[in-house]
Amino acid sequence: MRSILYLIIGIFFGIVLFKSEAASWFRIYEMFQFKSFHMYGIIGSALVIGVIAIQIIKRYKVKSVYGETITIPPKAKSFSRYMFGGVLFGLGWALAGACPGPIFVLAGAGYLPILVVLLASIFGTFIYGVLKDKLPH
C-alpha cells in the first residue's frame, strides 16, 4: 500500500516539476547564463523549505512513518570535497540540461533523447560504486 502512495506522490511531484518548468532544458540554460531568476527562485525556495524542515525534525524529534526517531548525523566540515563535488554536479547538470529528478520527469513527458542522459547517469552511478572505496570521503 505504501508503494502506491509513494508512486502517487512521485507522479504528483513530477507533474509539479514539469508544469513549473523546473525540468525545462531552456530554463536550466537560462539559469546558467544568468538570464532568468525562475530557476534560482525554485532552488532558493526549496533550500529555505529544506532548512526549516530539518530544523523541525531536529528540534521536535520527529519520528519516521515506521515510528523510529529520525537522526541526522553532523556532516564533516570540508571545503574541497563540497567544492569539487558541486563543480562536477554542476558541470554534469549544465551539459545534460537536467539533474536526476527532472531526467525521469522528461522521460515520462515523452522526451526520448533524455534516455541517453538517463543511461549515462546510471552508468556513472555504477562507476562511482566501483570506485567508491578508492575515492576520498
C-alpha atoms as a PDB file:
ATOM      1  CA  MET A   1       0.000   0.000   0.000  1.00  0.00           C
ATOM      2  CA  ARG A   2       2.848   2.394   0.837  1.00  0.00           C
ATOM      3  CA  SER A   3       4.410   1.776  -2.562  1.00  0.00           C
ATOM      4  CA  ILE A   4       1.247   3.015  -4.260  1.00  0.00           C
ATOM      5  CA  LEU A   5       1.248   6.111  -2.040  1.00  0.00           C
ATOM      6  CA  TYR A   6       4.898   6.788  -2.921  1.00  0.00           C
ATOM      7  CA  LEU A   7       4.117   6.309  -6.606  1.00  0.00           C
ATOM      8  CA  ILE A   8       1.223   8.797  -6.421  1.00  0.00           C
ATOM      9  CA  ILE A   9       3.384  11.349  -4.572  1.00  0.00           C
ATOM     10  CA  GLY A  10       6.157  10.855  -7.145  1.00  0.00           C
ATOM     11  CA  ILE A  11       3.791  11.350 -10.062  1.00  0.00           C
ATOM     12  CA  PHE A  12       2.381  14.493  -8.432  1.00  0.00           C
ATOM     13  CA  PHE A  13       5.917  15.813  -7.838  1.00  0.00           C
ATOM     14  CA  GLY A  14       6.818  15.064 -11.461  1.00  0.00           C
ATOM     15  CA  ILE A  15       3.790  16.972 -12.705  1.00  0.00           C
ATOM     16  CA  VAL A  16       4.717  19.939 -10.491  1.00  0.00           C
ATOM     17  CA  LEU A  17       8.305  19.865 -11.799  1.00  0.00           C
ATOM     18  CA  PHE A  18       7.100  19.744 -15.391  1.00  0.00           C
ATOM     19  CA  LYS A  19       4.395  22.401 -15.068  1.00  0.00           C
ATOM     20  CA  SER A  20       6.692  24.787 -13.164  1.00  0.00           C
ATOM     21  CA  GLU A  21       9.243  24.340 -15.969  1.00  0.00           C
ATOM     22  CA  ALA A  22      11.869  23.220 -13.447  1.00  0.00           C
ATOM     23  CA  ALA A  23      12.610  20.298 -15.783  1.00  0.00           C
ATOM     24  CA  SER A  24      12.873  22.517 -18.854  1.00  0.00           C
ATOM     25  CA  TRP A  25      16.250  22.475 -20.569  1.00  0.00           C
ATOM     26  CA  PHE A  26      15.652  26.059 -21.721  1.00  0.00           C
ATOM     27  CA  ARG A  27      15.040  27.258 -18.136  1.00  0.00           C
ATOM     28  CA  ILE A  28      18.186  25.483 -16.948  1.00  0.00           C
ATOM     29  CA  TYR A  29      20.151  27.017 -19.823  1.00  0.00           C
ATOM     30  CA  GLU A  30      18.820  30.484 -18.909  1.00  0.00           C
ATOM     31  CA  MET A  31      19.861  29.908 -15.318  1.00  0.00           C
ATOM     32  CA  PHE A  32      23.447  29.062 -16.206  1.00  0.00           C
ATOM     33  CA  GLN A  33      23.624  32.193 -18.365  1.00  0.00           C
ATOM     34  CA  PHE A  34      22.149  34.318 -15.530  1.00  0.00           C
ATOM     35  CA  LYS A  35      19.322  35.472 -17.815  1.00  0.00           C
ATOM     36  CA  SER A  36      16.375  34.431 -15.649  1.00  0.00           C
ATOM     37  CA  PHE A  37      15.504  34.316 -11.953  1.00  0.00           C
ATOM     38  CA  HIS A  38      12.985  31.463 -12.442  1.00  0.00           C
ATOM     39  CA  MET A  39      15.236  28.529 -11.503  1.00  0.00           C
ATOM     40  CA  TYR A  40      17.028  30.438  -8.765  1.00  0.00           C
ATOM     41  CA  GLY A  41      13.627  31.135  -7.209  1.00  0.00           C
ATOM     42  CA  ILE A  42      12.688  27.447  -7.311  1.00  0.00           C
ATOM     43  CA  ILE A  43      16.048  26.306  -5.926  1.00  0.00           C
ATOM     44  CA  GLY A  44      16.081  29.041  -3.289  1.00  0.00           C
ATOM     45  CA  SER A  45      12.571  28.251  -2.067  1.00  0.00           C
ATOM     46  CA  ALA A  46      13.447  24.532  -1.912  1.00  0.00           C
ATOM     47  CA  LEU A  47      16.545  25.401   0.127  1.00  0.00           C
ATOM     48  CA  VAL A  48      14.540  27.509   2.604  1.00  0.00           C
ATOM     49  CA  ILE A  49      11.869  24.805   2.982  1.00  0.00           C
ATOM     50  CA  GLY A  50      14.584  22.156   3.449  1.00  0.00           C
ATOM     51  CA  VAL A  51      16.348  24.155   6.182  1.00  0.00           C
ATOM     52  CA  ILE A  52      13.062  24.735   8.013  1.00  0.00           C
ATOM     53  CA  ALA A  53      12.104  21.045   7.711  1.00  0.00           C
ATOM     54  CA  ILE A  54      15.483  19.869   9.040  1.00  0.00           C
ATOM     55  CA  GLN A  55      15.236  22.255  11.996  1.00  0.00           C
ATOM     56  CA  ILE A  56      11.743  20.973  12.806  1.00  0.00           C
ATOM     57  CA  ILE A  57      12.952  17.354  12.590  1.00  0.00           C
ATOM     58  CA  LYS A  58      15.915  18.066  14.892  1.00  0.00           C
ATOM     59  CA  ARG A  59      14.085  20.217  17.472  1.00  0.00           C
ATOM     60  CA  TYR A  60      10.887  18.205  17.819  1.00  0.00           C
ATOM     61  CA  LYS A  61      12.455  14.742  17.453  1.00  0.00           C
ATOM     62  CA  VAL A  62      10.097  13.840  14.593  1.00  0.00           C
ATOM     63  CA  LYS A  63       9.527  10.136  14.009  1.00  0.00           C
ATOM     64  CA  SER A  64       9.536   8.336  10.657  1.00  0.00           C
ATOM     65  CA  VAL A  65       6.489   6.578   9.242  1.00  0.00           C
ATOM     66  CA  TYR A  66       7.880   3.425  10.888  1.00  0.00           C
ATOM     67  CA  GLY A  67       7.865   5.072  14.338  1.00  0.00           C
ATOM     68  CA  GLU A  68      11.658   5.458  14.584  1.00  0.00           C
ATOM     69  CA  THR A  69      13.173   8.773  15.669  1.00  0.00           C
ATOM     70  CA  ILE A  70      14.874  10.474  12.742  1.00  0.00           C
ATOM     71  CA  THR A  71      18.517  11.229  13.489  1.00  0.00           C
ATOM     72  CA  ILE A  72      20.640  13.398  11.249  1.00  0.00           C
ATOM     73  CA  PRO A  73      24.366  12.931  11.880  1.00  0.00           C
ATOM     74  CA  PRO A  74      26.568  16.022  11.552  1.00  0.00           C
ATOM     75  CA  LYS A  75      28.416  16.385   8.265  1.00  0.00           C
ATOM     76  CA  ALA A  76      32.184  16.655   8.071  1.00  0.00           C
ATOM     77  CA  LYS A  77      33.302  20.223   7.518  1.00  0.00           C
ATOM     78  CA  SER A  78      35.431  20.232   4.387  1.00  0.00           C
ATOM     79  CA  PHE A  79      35.557  22.895   1.706  1.00  0.00           C
ATOM     80  CA  SER A  80      37.344  20.938  -1.019  1.00  0.00           C
ATOM     81  CA  ARG A  81      35.063  17.887  -1.081  1.00  0.00           C
ATOM     82  CA  TYR A  82      31.928  20.004  -1.422  1.00  0.00           C
ATOM     83  CA  MET A  83      33.572  22.375  -3.897  1.00  0.00           C
ATOM     84  CA  PHE A  84      34.780  19.583  -6.205  1.00  0.00           C
ATOM     85  CA  GLY A  85      31.542  17.612  -5.851  1.00  0.00           C
ATOM     86  CA  GLY A  86      29.469  20.716  -6.535  1.00  0.00           C
ATOM     87  CA  VAL A  87      31.520  21.643  -9.581  1.00  0.00           C
ATOM     88  CA  LEU A  88      31.239  18.109 -11.007  1.00  0.00           C
ATOM     89  CA  PHE A  89      27.487  18.014 -10.333  1.00  0.00           C
ATOM     90  CA  GLY A  90      27.044  21.486 -11.839  1.00  0.00           C
ATOM     91  CA  LEU A  91      29.038  20.603 -14.955  1.00  0.00           C
ATOM     92  CA  GLY A  92      27.030  17.440 -15.448  1.00  0.00           C
ATOM     93  CA  TRP A  93      23.815  19.361 -14.916  1.00  0.00           C
ATOM     94  CA  ALA A  94      24.859  22.066 -17.381  1.00  0.00           C
ATOM     95  CA  LEU A  95      25.999  19.579 -20.037  1.00  0.00           C
ATOM     96  CA  ALA A  96      22.992  17.286 -19.722  1.00  0.00           C
ATOM     97  CA  GLY A  97      20.463  20.034 -19.099  1.00  0.00           C
ATOM     98  CA  ALA A  98      18.888  18.042 -16.285  1.00  0.00           C
ATOM     99  CA  CYS A  99      19.663  16.853 -12.790  1.00  0.00           C
ATOM    100  CA  PRO A 100      18.486  13.408 -11.629  1.00  0.00           C
ATOM    101  CA  GLY A 101      14.859  14.253 -10.729  1.00  0.00           C
ATOM    102  CA  PRO A 102      13.972  16.033 -13.974  1.00  0.00           C
ATOM    103  CA  ILE A 103      15.573  13.253 -16.038  1.00  0.00           C
ATOM    104  CA  PHE A 104      12.688  10.982 -15.049  1.00  0.00           C
ATOM    105  CA  VAL A 105      10.162  13.797 -15.485  1.00  0.00           C
ATOM    106  CA  LEU A 106      11.373  14.482 -19.017  1.00  0.00           C
ATOM    107  CA  ALA A 107      11.383  10.763 -19.864  1.00  0.00           C
ATOM    108  CA  GLY A 108       7.829  10.482 -18.532  1.00  0.00           C
ATOM    109  CA  ALA A 109       6.794  13.523 -20.566  1.00  0.00           C
ATOM    110  CA  GLY A 110       7.950  11.774 -23.739  1.00  0.00           C
ATOM    111  CA  TYR A 111      11.293  13.485 -24.430  1.00  0.00           C
ATOM    112  CA  LEU A 112      13.054  10.355 -25.645  1.00  0.00           C
ATOM    113  CA  PRO A 113      16.564  11.839 -26.140  1.00  0.00           C
ATOM    114  CA  ILE A 114      16.769  12.216 -22.350  1.00  0.00           C
ATOM    115  CA  LEU A 115      17.004   8.411 -22.183  1.00  0.00           C
ATOM    116  CA  VAL A 116      20.631   8.780 -23.307  1.00  0.00           C
ATOM    117  CA  VAL A 117      21.240  11.035 -20.301  1.00  0.00           C
ATOM    118  CA  LEU A 118      19.386   8.573 -18.045  1.00  0.00           C
ATOM    119  CA  LEU A 119      21.536   5.659 -19.211  1.00  0.00           C
ATOM    120  CA  ALA A 120      24.707   7.742 -18.821  1.00  0.00           C
ATOM    121  CA  SER A 121      23.724   8.754 -15.280  1.00  0.00           C
ATOM    122  CA  ILE A 122      23.015   5.129 -14.348  1.00  0.00           C
ATOM    123  CA  PHE A 123      26.396   4.146 -15.799  1.00  0.00           C
ATOM    124  CA  GLY A 124      28.073   6.995 -13.867  1.00  0.00           C
ATOM    125  CA  THR A 125      26.437   5.795 -10.652  1.00  0.00           C
ATOM    126  CA  PHE A 126      27.721   2.285 -11.363  1.00  0.00           C
ATOM    127  CA  ILE A 127      31.250   3.624 -11.935  1.00  0.00           C
ATOM    128  CA  TYR A 128      31.052   5.560  -8.656  1.00  0.00           C
ATOM    129  CA  GLY A 129      30.049   2.356  -6.879  1.00  0.00           C
ATOM    130  CA  VAL A 130      33.072   0.582  -8.336  1.00  0.00           C
ATOM    131  CA  LEU A 131      35.485   3.414  -7.438  1.00  0.00           C
ATOM    132  CA  LYS A 132      33.885   4.464  -4.145  1.00  0.00           C
ATOM    133  CA  ASP A 133      36.471   2.779  -1.918  1.00  0.00           C
ATOM    134  CA  LYS A 134      39.328   4.424  -3.791  1.00  0.00           C
ATOM    135  CA  LEU A 135      37.891   7.970  -3.544  1.00  0.00           C
ATOM    136  CA  PRO A 136      38.454  10.339  -0.619  1.00  0.00           C
ATOM    137  CA  HIS A 137      35.432  10.600   1.676  1.00  0.00           C
END
